[in-house]
Amino acid sequence: NELEPAVGAALGTSVHSGAAMLLQEKKDT
């Protein structure tokens, strides 16, 4: 079967990307 993305996974991945940006900023600055 083809599955549509579960909104929880889609949202979690997105938030994860934002968190990575913040952590990189903390490491760099």
Full PDB file with SEQRES, HELIX, SHEET, SSBOND, CRYST1, ORIGX, SCALE, CONECT and MASTER records, all heavy atoms in Angstrom:
SEQRES   1 A   29  ASN GLU LEU GLU PRO ALA VAL GLY ALA ALA LEU GLY THR          
SEQRES   2 A   29  SER VAL HIS SER GLY ALA ALA MET LEU LEU GLN GLU LYS          
SEQRES   3 A   29  LYS ASP THR                                                  
HELIX    1 AA1 VAL A    7  ASP A   28  1                                  22    
CRYST1    1.000    1.000    1.000  90.00  90.00  90.00 P 1           1          
ORIGX1      1.000000  0.000000  0.000000        0.00000                         
ORIGX2      0.000000  1.000000  0.000000        0.00000                         
ORIGX3      0.000000  0.000000  1.000000        0.00000                         
SCALE1      1.000000  0.000000  0.000000        0.00000                         
SCALE2      0.000000  1.000000  0.000000        0.00000                         
SCALE3      0.000000  0.000000  1.000000        0.00000                         
ATOM      1  N   ASN A   1       0.826  -1.202   0.000  1.00  0.00           N  
ATOM      2  CA  ASN A   1       0.000   0.000   0.000  1.00  0.00           C  
ATOM      3  C   ASN A   1       0.864   1.258   0.000  1.00  0.00           C  
ATOM      4  O   ASN A   1       1.951   1.286   0.573  1.00  0.00           O  
ATOM      5  CB  ASN A   1      -0.895   0.033   1.256  1.00  0.00           C  
ATOM      6  CG  ASN A   1      -1.773  -1.199   1.363  1.00  0.00           C  
ATOM      7  OD1 ASN A   1      -2.335  -1.666   0.392  1.00  0.00           O  
ATOM      8  ND2 ASN A   1      -1.871  -1.743   2.577  1.00  0.00           N  
ATOM      9  N   GLU A   2       0.345   2.297  -0.641  1.00  0.00           N  
ATOM     10  CA  GLU A   2       0.960   3.616  -0.536  1.00  0.00           C  
ATOM     11  C   GLU A   2       0.375   4.315   0.693  1.00  0.00           C  
ATOM     12  O   GLU A   2      -0.843   4.283   0.910  1.00  0.00           O  
ATOM     13  CB  GLU A   2       0.673   4.457  -1.784  1.00  0.00           C  
ATOM     14  CG  GLU A   2       1.277   3.891  -3.065  1.00  0.00           C  
ATOM     15  CD  GLU A   2       2.781   4.030  -3.105  1.00  0.00           C  
ATOM     16  OE1 GLU A   2       3.330   4.821  -2.300  1.00  0.00           O  
ATOM     17  OE2 GLU A   2       3.419   3.348  -3.932  1.00  0.00           O  
ATOM     18  N   LEU A   3       1.225   4.944   1.475  1.00  0.00           N  
ATOM     19  CA  LEU A   3       0.782   5.622   2.684  1.00  0.00           C  
ATOM     20  C   LEU A   3       0.951   7.128   2.536  1.00  0.00           C  
ATOM     21  O   LEU A   3       1.977   7.584   2.040  1.00  0.00           O  
ATOM     22  CB  LEU A   3       1.576   5.151   3.910  1.00  0.00           C  
ATOM     23  CG  LEU A   3       1.559   3.668   4.247  1.00  0.00           C  
ATOM     24  CD1 LEU A   3       2.336   3.443   5.541  1.00  0.00           C  
ATOM     25  CD2 LEU A   3       0.144   3.138   4.368  1.00  0.00           C  
ATOM     26  N   GLU A   4      -0.044   7.881   2.984  1.00  0.00           N  
ATOM     27  CA  GLU A   4       0.147   9.320   3.126  1.00  0.00           C  
ATOM     28  C   GLU A   4       0.951   9.580   4.399  1.00  0.00           C  
ATOM     29  O   GLU A   4       0.846   8.828   5.372  1.00  0.00           O  
ATOM     30  CB  GLU A   4      -1.201  10.043   3.229  1.00  0.00           C  
ATOM     31  CG  GLU A   4      -1.950  10.156   1.916  1.00  0.00           C  
ATOM     32  CD  GLU A   4      -3.154  11.069   2.042  1.00  0.00           C  
ATOM     33  OE1 GLU A   4      -3.722  11.168   3.163  1.00  0.00           O  
ATOM     34  OE2 GLU A   4      -3.540  11.684   1.032  1.00  0.00           O  
ATOM     35  N   PRO A   5       1.747  10.625   4.425  1.00  0.00           N  
ATOM     36  CA  PRO A   5       2.489  10.926   5.644  1.00  0.00           C  
ATOM     37  C   PRO A   5       1.537  11.190   6.812  1.00  0.00           C  
ATOM     38  O   PRO A   5       0.536  11.894   6.650  1.00  0.00           O  
ATOM     39  CB  PRO A   5       3.272  12.197   5.290  1.00  0.00           C  
ATOM     40  CG  PRO A   5       3.286  12.251   3.803  1.00  0.00           C  
ATOM     41  CD  PRO A   5       2.021  11.588   3.346  1.00  0.00           C  
ATOM     42  N   ALA A   6       1.819  10.625   7.962  1.00  0.00           N  
ATOM     43  CA  ALA A   6       1.065  10.959   9.170  1.00  0.00           C  
ATOM     44  C   ALA A   6       1.455  12.366   9.590  1.00  0.00           C  
ATOM     45  O   ALA A   6       2.636  12.727   9.570  1.00  0.00           O  
ATOM     46  CB  ALA A   6       1.365   9.969  10.283  1.00  0.00           C  
ATOM     47  N   VAL A   7       0.469  13.159   9.971  1.00  0.00           N  
ATOM     48  CA  VAL A   7       0.764  14.562  10.286  1.00  0.00           C  
ATOM     49  C   VAL A   7       1.743  14.669  11.450  1.00  0.00           C  
ATOM     50  O   VAL A   7       2.583  15.579  11.481  1.00  0.00           O  
ATOM     51  CB  VAL A   7      -0.529  15.342  10.575  1.00  0.00           C  
ATOM     52  CG1 VAL A   7      -1.202  14.869  11.865  1.00  0.00           C  
ATOM     53  CG2 VAL A   7      -0.256  16.837  10.634  1.00  0.00           C  
ATOM     54  N   GLY A   8       1.670  13.750  12.394  1.00  0.00           N  
ATOM     55  CA  GLY A   8       2.587  13.810  13.522  1.00  0.00           C  
ATOM     56  C   GLY A   8       4.034  13.660  13.081  1.00  0.00           C  
ATOM     57  O   GLY A   8       4.922  14.388  13.544  1.00  0.00           O  
ATOM     58  N   ALA A   9       4.285  12.720  12.161  1.00  0.00           N  
ATOM     59  CA  ALA A   9       5.645  12.527  11.653  1.00  0.00           C  
ATOM     60  C   ALA A   9       6.089  13.720  10.824  1.00  0.00           C  
ATOM     61  O   ALA A   9       7.236  14.181  10.930  1.00  0.00           O  
ATOM     62  CB  ALA A   9       5.708  11.249  10.829  1.00  0.00           C  
ATOM     63  N   ALA A  10       5.185  14.237   9.976  1.00  0.00           N  
ATOM     64  CA  ALA A  10       5.527  15.385   9.140  1.00  0.00           C  
ATOM     65  C   ALA A  10       5.843  16.608   9.995  1.00  0.00           C  
ATOM     66  O   ALA A  10       6.802  17.350   9.735  1.00  0.00           O  
ATOM     67  CB  ALA A  10       4.374  15.691   8.185  1.00  0.00           C  
ATOM     68  N   LEU A  11       5.045  16.822  11.033  1.00  0.00           N  
ATOM     69  CA  LEU A  11       5.272  17.969  11.911  1.00  0.00           C  
ATOM     70  C   LEU A  11       6.543  17.777  12.734  1.00  0.00           C  
ATOM     71  O   LEU A  11       7.341  18.712  12.894  1.00  0.00           O  
ATOM     72  CB  LEU A  11       4.056  18.163  12.809  1.00  0.00           C  
ATOM     73  CG  LEU A  11       3.984  19.474  13.598  1.00  0.00           C  
ATOM     74  CD1 LEU A  11       2.531  19.921  13.747  1.00  0.00           C  
ATOM     75  CD2 LEU A  11       4.600  19.320  14.985  1.00  0.00           C  
ATOM     76  N   GLY A  12       6.748  16.566  13.224  1.00  0.00           N  
ATOM     77  CA  GLY A  12       7.933  16.300  14.030  1.00  0.00           C  
ATOM     78  C   GLY A  12       9.218  16.498  13.245  1.00  0.00           C  
ATOM     79  O   GLY A  12      10.188  17.087  13.751  1.00  0.00           O  
ATOM     80  N   THR A  13       9.246  16.042  11.995  1.00  0.00           N  
ATOM     81  CA  THR A  13      10.418  16.231  11.151  1.00  0.00           C  
ATOM     82  C   THR A  13      10.686  17.711  10.909  1.00  0.00           C  
ATOM     83  O   THR A  13      11.840  18.164  10.907  1.00  0.00           O  
ATOM     84  CB  THR A  13      10.227  15.505   9.808  1.00  0.00           C  
ATOM     85  OG1 THR A  13      10.005  14.113  10.054  1.00  0.00           O  
ATOM     86  CG2 THR A  13      11.436  15.670   8.906  1.00  0.00           C  
ATOM     87  N   SER A  14       9.619  18.465  10.714  1.00  0.00           N  
ATOM     88  CA  SER A  14       9.747  19.902  10.461  1.00  0.00           C  
ATOM     89  C   SER A  14      10.308  20.629  11.680  1.00  0.00           C  
ATOM     90  O   SER A  14      11.227  21.446  11.565  1.00  0.00           O  
ATOM     91  CB  SER A  14       8.377  20.490  10.085  1.00  0.00           C  
ATOM     92  OG  SER A  14       7.785  19.786   9.026  1.00  0.00           O  
ATOM     93  N   VAL A  15       9.758  20.331  12.845  1.00  0.00           N  
ATOM     94  CA  VAL A  15      10.234  20.951  14.078  1.00  0.00           C  
ATOM     95  C   VAL A  15      11.686  20.560  14.334  1.00  0.00           C  
ATOM     96  O   VAL A  15      12.498  21.379  14.781  1.00  0.00           O  
ATOM     97  CB  VAL A  15       9.331  20.544  15.258  1.00  0.00           C  
ATOM     98  CG1 VAL A  15       9.931  20.979  16.587  1.00  0.00           C  
ATOM     99  CG2 VAL A  15       7.939  21.141  15.077  1.00  0.00           C  
ATOM    100  N   HIS A  16      12.010  19.332  14.028  1.00  0.00           N  
ATOM    101  CA  HIS A  16      13.373  18.852  14.191  1.00  0.00           C  
ATOM    102  C   HIS A  16      14.343  19.702  13.367  1.00  0.00           C  
ATOM    103  O   HIS A  16      15.449  20.032  13.815  1.00  0.00           O  
ATOM    104  CB  HIS A  16      13.437  17.391  13.753  1.00  0.00           C  
ATOM    105  CG  HIS A  16      14.672  16.678  14.160  1.00  0.00           C  
ATOM    106  ND1 HIS A  16      15.862  16.841  13.509  1.00  0.00           N  
ATOM    107  CD2 HIS A  16      14.908  15.790  15.155  1.00  0.00           C  
ATOM    108  CE1 HIS A  16      16.782  16.092  14.068  1.00  0.00           C  
ATOM    109  NE2 HIS A  16      16.231  15.435  15.073  1.00  0.00           N  
ATOM    110  N   SER A  17      13.939  20.063  12.149  1.00  0.00           N  
ATOM    111  CA  SER A  17      14.789  20.890  11.289  1.00  0.00           C  
ATOM    112  C   SER A  17      15.018  22.266  11.906  1.00  0.00           C  
ATOM    113  O   SER A  17      16.130  22.797  11.880  1.00  0.00           O  
ATOM    114  CB  SER A  17      14.141  21.039   9.908  1.00  0.00           C  
ATOM    115  OG  SER A  17      13.987  19.792   9.276  1.00  0.00           O  
ATOM    116  N   GLY A  18      13.946  22.827  12.471  1.00  0.00           N  
ATOM    117  CA  GLY A  18      14.090  24.119  13.139  1.00  0.00           C  
ATOM    118  C   GLY A  18      14.985  24.034  14.361  1.00  0.00           C  
ATOM    119  O   GLY A  18      15.817  24.923  14.604  1.00  0.00           O  
ATOM    120  N   ALA A  19      14.843  22.955  15.121  1.00  0.00           N  
ATOM    121  CA  ALA A  19      15.683  22.771  16.312  1.00  0.00           C  
ATOM    122  C   ALA A  19      17.147  22.645  15.926  1.00  0.00           C  
ATOM    123  O   ALA A  19      18.034  23.184  16.609  1.00  0.00           O  
ATOM    124  CB  ALA A  19      15.223  21.531  17.078  1.00  0.00           C  
ATOM    125  N   ALA A  20      17.421  21.942  14.831  1.00  0.00           N  
ATOM    126  CA  ALA A  20      18.807  21.792  14.377  1.00  0.00           C  
ATOM    127  C   ALA A  20      19.423  23.141  14.031  1.00  0.00           C  
ATOM    128  O   ALA A  20      20.606  23.383  14.305  1.00  0.00           O  
ATOM    129  CB  ALA A  20      18.861  20.857  13.172  1.00  0.00           C  
ATOM    130  N   MET A  21      18.630  24.042  13.436  1.00  0.00           N  
ATOM    131  CA  MET A  21      19.126  25.385  13.139  1.00  0.00           C  
ATOM    132  C   MET A  21      19.526  26.116  14.412  1.00  0.00           C  
ATOM    133  O   MET A  21      20.578  26.769  14.478  1.00  0.00           O  
ATOM    134  CB  MET A  21      18.055  26.194  12.404  1.00  0.00           C  
ATOM    135  CG  MET A  21      17.894  25.877  10.942  1.00  0.00           C  
ATOM    136  SD  MET A  21      16.704  26.997  10.149  1.00  0.00           S  
ATOM    137  CE  MET A  21      17.547  28.580  10.325  1.00  0.00           C  
ATOM    138  N   LEU A  22      18.693  26.007  15.423  1.00  0.00           N  
ATOM    139  CA  LEU A  22      18.972  26.688  16.692  1.00  0.00           C  
ATOM    140  C   LEU A  22      20.207  26.107  17.379  1.00  0.00           C  
ATOM    141  O   LEU A  22      21.027  26.847  17.932  1.00  0.00           O  
ATOM    142  CB  LEU A  22      17.756  26.572  17.610  1.00  0.00           C  
ATOM    143  CG  LEU A  22      16.492  27.268  17.111  1.00  0.00           C  
ATOM    144  CD1 LEU A  22      15.289  26.853  17.948  1.00  0.00           C  
ATOM    145  CD2 LEU A  22      16.661  28.783  17.143  1.00  0.00           C  
ATOM    146  N   LEU A  23      20.348  24.795  17.337  1.00  0.00           N  
ATOM    147  CA  LEU A  23      21.509  24.163  17.952  1.00  0.00           C  
ATOM    148  C   LEU A  23      22.798  24.538  17.211  1.00  0.00           C  
ATOM    149  O   LEU A  23      23.840  24.749  17.832  1.00  0.00           O  
ATOM    150  CB  LEU A  23      21.317  22.650  17.965  1.00  0.00           C  
ATOM    151  CG  LEU A  23      20.248  22.139  18.941  1.00  0.00           C  
ATOM    152  CD1 LEU A  23      19.844  20.711  18.591  1.00  0.00           C  
ATOM    153  CD2 LEU A  23      20.740  22.222  20.378  1.00  0.00           C  
ATOM    154  N   GLN A  24      22.707  24.621  15.880  1.00  0.00           N  
ATOM    155  CA  GLN A  24      23.891  25.026  15.114  1.00  0.00           C  
ATOM    156  C   GLN A  24      24.281  26.464  15.433  1.00  0.00           C  
ATOM    157  O   GLN A  24      25.472  26.791  15.549  1.00  0.00           O  
ATOM    158  CB  GLN A  24      23.616  24.878  13.615  1.00  0.00           C  
ATOM    159  CG  GLN A  24      24.855  25.050  12.749  1.00  0.00           C  
ATOM    160  CD  GLN A  24      25.880  23.956  12.988  1.00  0.00           C  
ATOM    161  OE1 GLN A  24      25.561  22.769  12.925  1.00  0.00           O  
ATOM    162  NE2 GLN A  24      27.118  24.350  13.274  1.00  0.00           N  
ATOM    163  N   GLU A  25      23.270  27.317  15.581  1.00  0.00           N  
ATOM    164  CA  GLU A  25      23.553  28.705  15.963  1.00  0.00           C  
ATOM    165  C   GLU A  25      24.237  28.764  17.327  1.00  0.00           C  
ATOM    166  O   GLU A  25      25.206  29.519  17.523  1.00  0.00           O  
ATOM    167  CB  GLU A  25      22.258  29.513  15.994  1.00  0.00           C  
ATOM    168  CG  GLU A  25      22.464  30.982  16.362  1.00  0.00           C  
ATOM    169  CD  GLU A  25      21.163  31.732  16.580  1.00  0.00           C  
ATOM    170  OE1 GLU A  25      20.135  31.083  16.886  1.00  0.00           O  
ATOM    171  OE2 GLU A  25      21.183  32.971  16.471  1.00  0.00           O  
ATOM    172  N   LYS A  26      23.752  27.939  18.266  1.00  0.00           N  
ATOM    173  CA  LYS A  26      24.361  27.917  19.594  1.00  0.00           C  
ATOM    174  C   LYS A  26      25.816  27.443  19.506  1.00  0.00           C  
ATOM    175  O   LYS A  26      26.710  28.021  20.154  1.00  0.00           O  
ATOM    176  CB  LYS A  26      23.550  27.000  20.511  1.00  0.00           C  
ATOM    177  CG  LYS A  26      24.160  26.797  21.903  1.00  0.00           C  
ATOM    178  CD  LYS A  26      24.193  28.081  22.705  1.00  0.00           C  
ATOM    179  CE  LYS A  26      24.766  27.874  24.106  1.00  0.00           C  
ATOM    180  NZ  LYS A  26      23.911  27.004  24.955  1.00  0.00           N  
ATOM    181  N   LYS A  27      26.068  26.435  18.702  1.00  0.00           N  
ATOM    182  CA  LYS A  27      27.431  25.925  18.564  1.00  0.00           C  
ATOM    183  C   LYS A  27      28.349  26.977  17.937  1.00  0.00           C  
ATOM    184  O   LYS A  27      29.497  27.150  18.353  1.00  0.00           O  
ATOM    185  CB  LYS A  27      27.432  24.659  17.708  1.00  0.00           C  
ATOM    186  CG  LYS A  27      28.817  24.059  17.519  1.00  0.00           C  
ATOM    187  CD  LYS A  27      28.768  22.831  16.622  1.00  0.00           C  
ATOM    188  CE  LYS A  27      30.183  22.268  16.407  1.00  0.00           C  
ATOM    189  NZ  LYS A  27      30.181  21.118  15.464  1.00  0.00           N  
ATOM    190  N   ASP A  28      27.833  27.683  16.920  1.00  0.00           N  
ATOM    191  CA  ASP A  28      28.669  28.626  16.175  1.00  0.00           C  
ATOM    192  C   ASP A  28      28.903  29.941  16.912  1.00  0.00           C  
ATOM    193  O   ASP A  28      29.973  30.539  16.813  1.00  0.00           O  
ATOM    194  CB  ASP A  28      28.027  28.928  14.815  1.00  0.00           C  
ATOM    195  CG  ASP A  28      28.027  27.710  13.893  1.00  0.00           C  
ATOM    196  OD1 ASP A  28      28.793  26.766  14.146  1.00  0.00           O  
ATOM    197  OD2 ASP A  28      27.237  27.711  12.931  1.00  0.00           O  
ATOM    198  N   THR A  29      27.877  30.406  17.637  1.00  0.00           N  
ATOM    199  CA  THR A  29      27.946  31.756  18.220  1.00  0.00           C  
ATOM    200  C   THR A  29      27.866  31.787  19.732  1.00  0.00           C  
ATOM    201  O   THR A  29      28.160  32.814  20.349  1.00  0.00           O  
ATOM    202  CB  THR A  29      26.810  32.633  17.668  1.00  0.00           C  
ATOM    203  OG1 THR A  29      25.548  32.182  18.199  1.00  0.00           O  
ATOM    204  CG2 THR A  29      26.761  32.597  16.142  1.00  0.00           C  
TER     205      THR A  29                                                      
MASTER        0    0    0    1    0    0    0    6  204    1    0    3          
END                                                                             
